[in-house]
Amino acid sequence: MNHFFVTVGLIVHYVAYNGTCLAAIIIGINEDGSVDLALFTSMKNVNGDKNFGMQFHQNIAYDEEKKPGTFHNINICAESWE
């Protein structure tokens, strides 16, 4: 397991239920190790238009396998720029 420190203000990825990774900021850390997130959206809505906004999600678990409804370190998705 790739451990990293979590702290309020850390930018992470939240995995949406369609598998898309979205930028999020940790706004709270819970006793069970889950976090509360402020999530930034830029996904297409039912009309096909981009839907920009912010959502708040509570008690989100960490998962390196990027399962929907979880968060992970952004470095897991990082691609090499050469």
C-alpha atoms as a PDB file:
ATOM      1  CA  MET A   1       0.000   0.000   0.000  1.00  0.00           C
ATOM      2  CA  ASN A   2       1.285   3.452  -0.907  1.00  0.00           C
ATOM      3  CA  HIS A   3       0.885   5.470   2.285  1.00  0.00           C
ATOM      4  CA  PHE A   4       0.769   9.245   2.225  1.00  0.00           C
ATOM      5  CA  PHE A   5      -0.098  11.865   4.793  1.00  0.00           C
ATOM      6  CA  VAL A   6      -3.526  13.436   4.628  1.00  0.00           C
ATOM      7  CA  THR A   7      -4.191  16.887   5.958  1.00  0.00           C
ATOM      8  CA  VAL A   8      -6.914  19.473   5.584  1.00  0.00           C
ATOM      9  CA  GLY A   9      -6.248  21.404   2.390  1.00  0.00           C
ATOM     10  CA  LEU A  10      -4.585  18.513   0.526  1.00  0.00           C
ATOM     11  CA  ILE A  11      -5.652  18.130  -3.107  1.00  0.00           C
ATOM     12  CA  VAL A  12      -6.699  14.568  -3.984  1.00  0.00           C
ATOM     13  CA  HIS A  13      -8.750  12.782  -6.629  1.00  0.00           C
ATOM     14  CA  TYR A  14     -12.323  11.610  -6.006  1.00  0.00           C
ATOM     15  CA  VAL A  15     -13.574   8.830  -8.285  1.00  0.00           C
ATOM     16  CA  ALA A  16     -17.043   9.585  -9.650  1.00  0.00           C
ATOM     17  CA  TYR A  17     -19.462   6.724 -10.205  1.00  0.00           C
ATOM     18  CA  ASN A  18     -18.724   6.807 -13.955  1.00  0.00           C
ATOM     19  CA  GLY A  19     -15.005   6.252 -13.180  1.00  0.00           C
ATOM     20  CA  THR A  20     -13.905   9.848 -13.827  1.00  0.00           C
ATOM     21  CA  CYS A  21     -11.264  11.225 -11.432  1.00  0.00           C
ATOM     22  CA  LEU A  22     -12.207  14.683 -10.176  1.00  0.00           C
ATOM     23  CA  ALA A  23     -10.157  17.212  -8.212  1.00  0.00           C
ATOM     24  CA  ALA A  24     -11.100  17.537  -4.567  1.00  0.00           C
ATOM     25  CA  ILE A  25      -9.777  19.226  -1.440  1.00  0.00           C
ATOM     26  CA  ILE A  26      -9.829  17.494   1.927  1.00  0.00           C
ATOM     27  CA  ILE A  27     -11.900  19.662   4.264  1.00  0.00           C
ATOM     28  CA  GLY A  28     -12.118  17.254   7.200  1.00  0.00           C
ATOM     29  CA  ILE A  29     -10.510  14.084   8.527  1.00  0.00           C
ATOM     30  CA  ASN A  30     -12.650  11.637  10.485  1.00  0.00           C
ATOM     31  CA  GLU A  31     -11.649   9.324  13.340  1.00  0.00           C
ATOM     32  CA  ASP A  32     -12.102   6.234  11.141  1.00  0.00           C
ATOM     33  CA  GLY A  33      -9.618   7.551   8.552  1.00  0.00           C
ATOM     34  CA  SER A  34     -12.240   8.628   6.036  1.00  0.00           C
ATOM     35  CA  VAL A  35     -12.299  12.224   4.834  1.00  0.00           C
ATOM     36  CA  ASP A  36     -14.781  14.931   3.930  1.00  0.00           C
ATOM     37  CA  LEU A  37     -14.227  16.497   0.519  1.00  0.00           C
ATOM     38  CA  ALA A  38     -15.056  19.656  -1.401  1.00  0.00           C
ATOM     39  CA  LEU A  39     -15.285  18.302  -4.932  1.00  0.00           C
ATOM     40  CA  PHE A  40     -14.913  20.310  -8.127  1.00  0.00           C
ATOM     41  CA  THR A  41     -17.032  19.105 -11.042  1.00  0.00           C
ATOM     42  CA  SER A  42     -16.647  19.675 -14.767  1.00  0.00           C
ATOM     43  CA  MET A  43     -18.712  16.846 -16.140  1.00  0.00           C
ATOM     44  CA  LYS A  44     -21.282  16.953 -18.922  1.00  0.00           C
ATOM     45  CA  ASN A  45     -24.896  17.108 -17.788  1.00  0.00           C
ATOM     46  CA  VAL A  46     -27.840  15.344 -19.441  1.00  0.00           C
ATOM     47  CA  ASN A  47     -27.941  18.028 -22.168  1.00  0.00           C
ATOM     48  CA  GLY A  48     -24.283  17.456 -23.037  1.00  0.00           C
ATOM     49  CA  ASP A  49     -23.211  20.823 -21.585  1.00  0.00           C
ATOM     50  CA  LYS A  50     -20.351  21.097 -19.101  1.00  0.00           C
ATOM     51  CA  ASN A  51     -21.706  21.329 -15.587  1.00  0.00           C
ATOM     52  CA  PHE A  52     -19.213  23.236 -13.443  1.00  0.00           C
ATOM     53  CA  GLY A  53     -19.783  23.339  -9.738  1.00  0.00           C
ATOM     54  CA  MET A  54     -18.849  22.156  -6.299  1.00  0.00           C
ATOM     55  CA  GLN A  55     -20.152  19.241  -4.299  1.00  0.00           C
ATOM     56  CA  PHE A  56     -19.509  18.165  -0.734  1.00  0.00           C
ATOM     57  CA  HIS A  57     -18.994  14.489   0.097  1.00  0.00           C
ATOM     58  CA  GLN A  58     -18.661  13.022   3.593  1.00  0.00           C
ATOM     59  CA  ASN A  59     -16.925   9.941   4.980  1.00  0.00           C
ATOM     60  CA  ILE A  60     -15.029   9.061   1.804  1.00  0.00           C
ATOM     61  CA  ALA A  61     -12.634   6.103   2.055  1.00  0.00           C
ATOM     62  CA  TYR A  62      -9.155   5.893   0.512  1.00  0.00           C
ATOM     63  CA  ASP A  63      -8.651   3.324  -2.246  1.00  0.00           C
ATOM     64  CA  GLU A  64      -5.602   2.932  -4.506  1.00  0.00           C
ATOM     65  CA  GLU A  65      -7.614   0.784  -6.921  1.00  0.00           C
ATOM     66  CA  LYS A  66      -9.713   3.871  -7.757  1.00  0.00           C
ATOM     67  CA  LYS A  67     -13.089   2.324  -6.978  1.00  0.00           C
ATOM     68  CA  PRO A  68     -16.035   4.692  -7.546  1.00  0.00           C
ATOM     69  CA  GLY A  69     -16.968   6.719  -4.478  1.00  0.00           C
ATOM     70  CA  THR A  70     -13.433   6.731  -3.028  1.00  0.00           C
ATOM     71  CA  PHE A  71     -10.436   9.066  -3.061  1.00  0.00           C
ATOM     72  CA  HIS A  72      -6.752   8.555  -3.849  1.00  0.00           C
ATOM     73  CA  ASN A  73      -3.469  10.422  -4.104  1.00  0.00           C
ATOM     74  CA  ILE A  74      -3.257  12.379  -7.365  1.00  0.00           C
ATOM     75  CA  ASN A  75       0.150  10.797  -8.080  1.00  0.00           C
ATOM     76  CA  ILE A  76      -1.591   7.488  -8.821  1.00  0.00           C
ATOM     77  CA  CYS A  77      -3.053   9.127 -11.955  1.00  0.00           C
ATOM     78  CA  ALA A  78       0.037  11.161 -12.807  1.00  0.00           C
ATOM     79  CA  GLU A  79       1.473  10.684 -16.255  1.00  0.00           C
ATOM     80  CA  SER A  80       5.075  11.339 -17.178  1.00  0.00           C
ATOM     81  CA  TRP A  81       5.676  14.540 -19.172  1.00  0.00           C
ATOM     82  CA  GLU A  82       8.843  14.343 -21.188  1.00  0.00           C
END
